[in-house]
Amino acid sequence: EAVIAKIISETGASGIASMGKVMGLAAAQLGGTAEGKTISTIVKKLLT
């Protein structure tokens, strides 16, 4: 969750429209350590 929060603050992402951008960066940084569904849930929570 901290990694995703950092990505959001670094990119200035806001709102659900930025979800795809944040998801892509998070997946790249986290590699195979987190499932897409888990990343998606956290991104959605932090952006809304």
PDB file of N, CA and C in Angstrom:
ATOM      1  N   GLU A   1       0.833  -1.204   0.000  1.00  0.00           N
ATOM      2  CA  GLU A   1       0.000   0.000   0.000  1.00  0.00           C
ATOM      3  C   GLU A   1       0.867   1.254   0.000  1.00  0.00           C
ATOM      4  N   ALA A   2       1.971   1.224   0.726  1.00  0.00           N
ATOM      5  CA  ALA A   2       2.866   2.385   0.780  1.00  0.00           C
ATOM      6  C   ALA A   2       3.469   2.678  -0.589  1.00  0.00           C
ATOM      7  N   VAL A   3       3.803   1.631  -1.325  1.00  0.00           N
ATOM      8  CA  VAL A   3       4.372   1.810  -2.668  1.00  0.00           C
ATOM      9  C   VAL A   3       3.356   2.483  -3.578  1.00  0.00           C
ATOM     10  N   ILE A   4       2.117   2.057  -3.494  1.00  0.00           N
ATOM     11  CA  ILE A   4       1.063   2.626  -4.336  1.00  0.00           C
ATOM     12  C   ILE A   4       0.786   4.068  -3.939  1.00  0.00           C
ATOM     13  N   ALA A   5       0.754   4.360  -2.655  1.00  0.00           N
ATOM     14  CA  ALA A   5       0.553   5.737  -2.190  1.00  0.00           C
ATOM     15  C   ALA A   5       1.668   6.634  -2.709  1.00  0.00           C
ATOM     16  N   LYS A   6       2.891   6.125  -2.726  1.00  0.00           N
ATOM     17  CA  LYS A   6       4.034   6.888  -3.228  1.00  0.00           C
ATOM     18  C   LYS A   6       3.885   7.162  -4.723  1.00  0.00           C
ATOM     19  N   ILE A   7       3.455   6.170  -5.484  1.00  0.00           N
ATOM     20  CA  ILE A   7       3.238   6.341  -6.923  1.00  0.00           C
ATOM     21  C   ILE A   7       2.184   7.410  -7.164  1.00  0.00           C
ATOM     22  N   ILE A   8       1.103   7.367  -6.399  1.00  0.00           N
ATOM     23  CA  ILE A   8       0.022   8.344  -6.552  1.00  0.00           C
ATOM     24  C   ILE A   8       0.540   9.746  -6.273  1.00  0.00           C
ATOM     25  N   SER A   9       1.314   9.916  -5.214  1.00  0.00           N
ATOM     26  CA  SER A   9       1.818  11.253  -4.889  1.00  0.00           C
ATOM     27  C   SER A   9       2.843  11.728  -5.915  1.00  0.00           C
ATOM     28  N   GLU A  10       3.683  10.832  -6.415  1.00  0.00           N
ATOM     29  CA  GLU A  10       4.697  11.209  -7.399  1.00  0.00           C
ATOM     30  C   GLU A  10       4.088  11.592  -8.740  1.00  0.00           C
ATOM     31  N   THR A  11       3.009  10.918  -9.128  1.00  0.00           N
ATOM     32  CA  THR A  11       2.401  11.185 -10.431  1.00  0.00           C
ATOM     33  C   THR A  11       1.315  12.251 -10.358  1.00  0.00           C
ATOM     34  N   GLY A  12       0.892  12.599  -9.154  1.00  0.00           N
ATOM     35  CA  GLY A  12      -0.183  13.574  -9.008  1.00  0.00           C
ATOM     36  C   GLY A  12      -1.526  13.004  -9.434  1.00  0.00           C
ATOM     37  N   ALA A  13      -1.631  11.693  -9.425  1.00  0.00           N
ATOM     38  CA  ALA A  13      -2.869  11.032  -9.840  1.00  0.00           C
ATOM     39  C   ALA A  13      -4.002  11.396  -8.891  1.00  0.00           C
ATOM     40  N   SER A  14      -5.171  11.595  -9.483  1.00  0.00           N
ATOM     41  CA  SER A  14      -6.347  11.865  -8.658  1.00  0.00           C
ATOM     42  C   SER A  14      -7.579  11.359  -9.378  1.00  0.00           C
ATOM     43  N   GLY A  15      -8.459  10.764  -8.639  1.00  0.00           N
ATOM     44  CA  GLY A  15      -9.693  10.259  -9.208  1.00  0.00           C
ATOM     45  C   GLY A  15      -9.506   8.926  -9.909  1.00  0.00           C
ATOM     46  N   ILE A  16     -10.619   8.313 -10.167  1.00  0.00           N
ATOM     47  CA  ILE A  16     -10.635   6.977 -10.743  1.00  0.00           C
ATOM     48  C   ILE A  16     -10.104   6.974 -12.178  1.00  0.00           C
ATOM     49  N   ALA A  17     -10.117   8.120 -12.848  1.00  0.00           N
ATOM     50  CA  ALA A  17      -9.615   8.212 -14.220  1.00  0.00           C
ATOM     51  C   ALA A  17      -8.121   7.921 -14.294  1.00  0.00           C
ATOM     52  N   SER A  18      -7.412   8.118 -13.210  1.00  0.00           N
ATOM     53  CA  SER A  18      -5.963   7.878 -13.165  1.00  0.00           C
ATOM     54  C   SER A  18      -5.624   6.440 -12.782  1.00  0.00           C
ATOM     55  N   MET A  19      -6.630   5.629 -12.570  1.00  0.00           N
ATOM     56  CA  MET A  19      -6.405   4.283 -12.055  1.00  0.00           C
ATOM     57  C   MET A  19      -5.515   3.442 -12.971  1.00  0.00           C
ATOM     58  N   GLY A  20      -5.741   3.494 -14.266  1.00  0.00           N
ATOM     59  CA  GLY A  20      -4.955   2.696 -15.209  1.00  0.00           C
ATOM     60  C   GLY A  20      -3.484   3.039 -15.166  1.00  0.00           C
ATOM     61  N   LYS A  21      -3.202   4.327 -15.122  1.00  0.00           N
ATOM     62  CA  LYS A  21      -1.821   4.803 -15.062  1.00  0.00           C
ATOM     63  C   LYS A  21      -1.133   4.294 -13.797  1.00  0.00           C
ATOM     64  N   VAL A  22      -1.804   4.447 -12.666  1.00  0.00           N
ATOM     65  CA  VAL A  22      -1.240   4.015 -11.385  1.00  0.00           C
ATOM     66  C   VAL A  22      -1.084   2.494 -11.362  1.00  0.00           C
ATOM     67  N   MET A  23      -2.068   1.775 -11.883  1.00  0.00           N
ATOM     68  CA  MET A  23      -2.011   0.310 -11.927  1.00  0.00           C
ATOM     69  C   MET A  23      -0.789  -0.167 -12.708  1.00  0.00           C
ATOM     70  N   GLY A  24      -0.548   0.458 -13.851  1.00  0.00           N
ATOM     71  CA  GLY A  24       0.592   0.071 -14.678  1.00  0.00           C
ATOM     72  C   GLY A  24       1.909   0.271 -13.958  1.00  0.00           C
ATOM     73  N   LEU A  25       2.065   1.419 -13.331  1.00  0.00           N
ATOM     74  CA  LEU A  25       3.301   1.713 -12.603  1.00  0.00           C
ATOM     75  C   LEU A  25       3.461   0.798 -11.392  1.00  0.00           C
ATOM     76  N   ALA A  26       2.364   0.555 -10.694  1.00  0.00           N
ATOM     77  CA  ALA A  26       2.416  -0.301  -9.510  1.00  0.00           C
ATOM     78  C   ALA A  26       2.780  -1.730  -9.899  1.00  0.00           C
ATOM     79  N   ALA A  27       2.177  -2.223 -10.963  1.00  0.00           N
ATOM     80  CA  ALA A  27       2.471  -3.585 -11.411  1.00  0.00           C
ATOM     81  C   ALA A  27       3.941  -3.708 -11.803  1.00  0.00           C
ATOM     82  N   ALA A  28       4.477  -2.678 -12.461  1.00  0.00           N
ATOM     83  CA  ALA A  28       5.881  -2.702 -12.867  1.00  0.00           C
ATOM     84  C   ALA A  28       6.807  -2.692 -11.651  1.00  0.00           C
ATOM     85  N   GLN A  29       6.486  -1.871 -10.667  1.00  0.00           N
ATOM     86  CA  GLN A  29       7.342  -1.761  -9.479  1.00  0.00           C
ATOM     87  C   GLN A  29       7.231  -2.973  -8.564  1.00  0.00           C
ATOM     88  N   LEU A  30       6.035  -3.506  -8.441  1.00  0.00           N
ATOM     89  CA  LEU A  30       5.827  -4.621  -7.521  1.00  0.00           C
ATOM     90  C   LEU A  30       6.122  -5.973  -8.157  1.00  0.00           C
ATOM     91  N   GLY A  31       6.221  -5.984  -9.483  1.00  0.00           N
ATOM     92  CA  GLY A  31       6.528  -7.233 -10.175  1.00  0.00           C
ATOM     93  C   GLY A  31       5.531  -8.315  -9.839  1.00  0.00           C
ATOM     94  N   GLY A  32       6.014  -9.482  -9.521  1.00  0.00           N
ATOM     95  CA  GLY A  32       5.138 -10.601  -9.218  1.00  0.00           C
ATOM     96  C   GLY A  32       4.819 -10.739  -7.742  1.00  0.00           C
ATOM     97  N   THR A  33       5.097  -9.690  -6.965  1.00  0.00           N
ATOM     98  CA  THR A  33       4.885  -9.815  -5.523  1.00  0.00           C
ATOM     99  C   THR A  33       3.446  -9.550  -5.095  1.00  0.00           C
ATOM    100  N   ALA A  34       2.645  -8.998  -5.989  1.00  0.00           N
ATOM    101  CA  ALA A  34       1.250  -8.715  -5.636  1.00  0.00           C
ATOM    102  C   ALA A  34       0.343  -9.055  -6.812  1.00  0.00           C
ATOM    103  N   GLU A  35      -0.833  -9.562  -6.520  1.00  0.00           N
ATOM    104  CA  GLU A  35      -1.805  -9.888  -7.555  1.00  0.00           C
ATOM    105  C   GLU A  35      -2.447  -8.617  -8.083  1.00  0.00           C
ATOM    106  N   GLY A  36      -2.840  -8.650  -9.347  1.00  0.00           N
ATOM    107  CA  GLY A  36      -3.496  -7.506  -9.960  1.00  0.00           C
ATOM    108  C   GLY A  36      -4.745  -7.079  -9.215  1.00  0.00           C
ATOM    109  N   LYS A  37      -5.511  -8.054  -8.741  1.00  0.00           N
ATOM    110  CA  LYS A  37      -6.747  -7.734  -8.019  1.00  0.00           C
ATOM    111  C   LYS A  37      -6.440  -6.984  -6.727  1.00  0.00           C
ATOM    112  N   THR A  38      -5.394  -7.399  -6.039  1.00  0.00           N
ATOM    113  CA  THR A  38      -5.003  -6.735  -4.796  1.00  0.00           C
ATOM    114  C   THR A  38      -4.560  -5.305  -5.076  1.00  0.00           C
ATOM    115  N   ILE A  39      -3.730  -5.136  -6.105  1.00  0.00           N
ATOM    116  CA  ILE A  39      -3.267  -3.800  -6.486  1.00  0.00           C
ATOM    117  C   ILE A  39      -4.462  -2.925  -6.836  1.00  0.00           C
ATOM    118  N   SER A  40      -5.375  -3.464  -7.631  1.00  0.00           N
ATOM    119  CA  SER A  40      -6.565  -2.728  -8.057  1.00  0.00           C
ATOM    120  C   SER A  40      -7.390  -2.254  -6.870  1.00  0.00           C
ATOM    121  N   THR A  41      -7.594  -3.119  -5.900  1.00  0.00           N
ATOM    122  CA  THR A  41      -8.381  -2.773  -4.717  1.00  0.00           C
ATOM    123  C   THR A  41      -7.742  -1.623  -3.949  1.00  0.00           C
ATOM    124  N   ILE A  42      -6.426  -1.689  -3.771  1.00  0.00           N
ATOM    125  CA  ILE A  42      -5.718  -0.644  -3.024  1.00  0.00           C
ATOM    126  C   ILE A  42      -5.733   0.671  -3.792  1.00  0.00           C
ATOM    127  N   VAL A  43      -5.475   0.614  -5.109  1.00  0.00           N
ATOM    128  CA  VAL A  43      -5.480   1.831  -5.929  1.00  0.00           C
ATOM    129  C   VAL A  43      -6.848   2.495  -5.861  1.00  0.00           C
ATOM    130  N   LYS A  44      -7.897   1.700  -6.015  1.00  0.00           N
ATOM    131  CA  LYS A  44      -9.263   2.231  -5.972  1.00  0.00           C
ATOM    132  C   LYS A  44      -9.541   2.901  -4.634  1.00  0.00           C
ATOM    133  N   LYS A  45      -9.119   2.259  -3.550  1.00  0.00           N
ATOM    134  CA  LYS A  45      -9.336   2.798  -2.203  1.00  0.00           C
ATOM    135  C   LYS A  45      -8.627   4.142  -2.034  1.00  0.00           C
ATOM    136  N   LEU A  46      -7.396   4.226  -2.516  1.00  0.00           N
ATOM    137  CA  LEU A  46      -6.611   5.441  -2.325  1.00  0.00           C
ATOM    138  C   LEU A  46      -7.035   6.589  -3.249  1.00  0.00           C
ATOM    139  N   LEU A  47      -7.602   6.261  -4.403  1.00  0.00           N
ATOM    140  CA  LEU A  47      -7.992   7.309  -5.350  1.00  0.00           C
ATOM    141  C   LEU A  47      -9.406   7.828  -5.124  1.00  0.00           C
ATOM    142  N   THR A  48     -10.206   7.127  -4.333  1.00  0.00           N
ATOM    143  CA  THR A  48     -11.584   7.591  -4.130  1.00  0.00           C
ATOM    144  C   THR A  48     -11.774   8.161  -2.746  1.00  0.00           C
TER     145      THR A  48
END
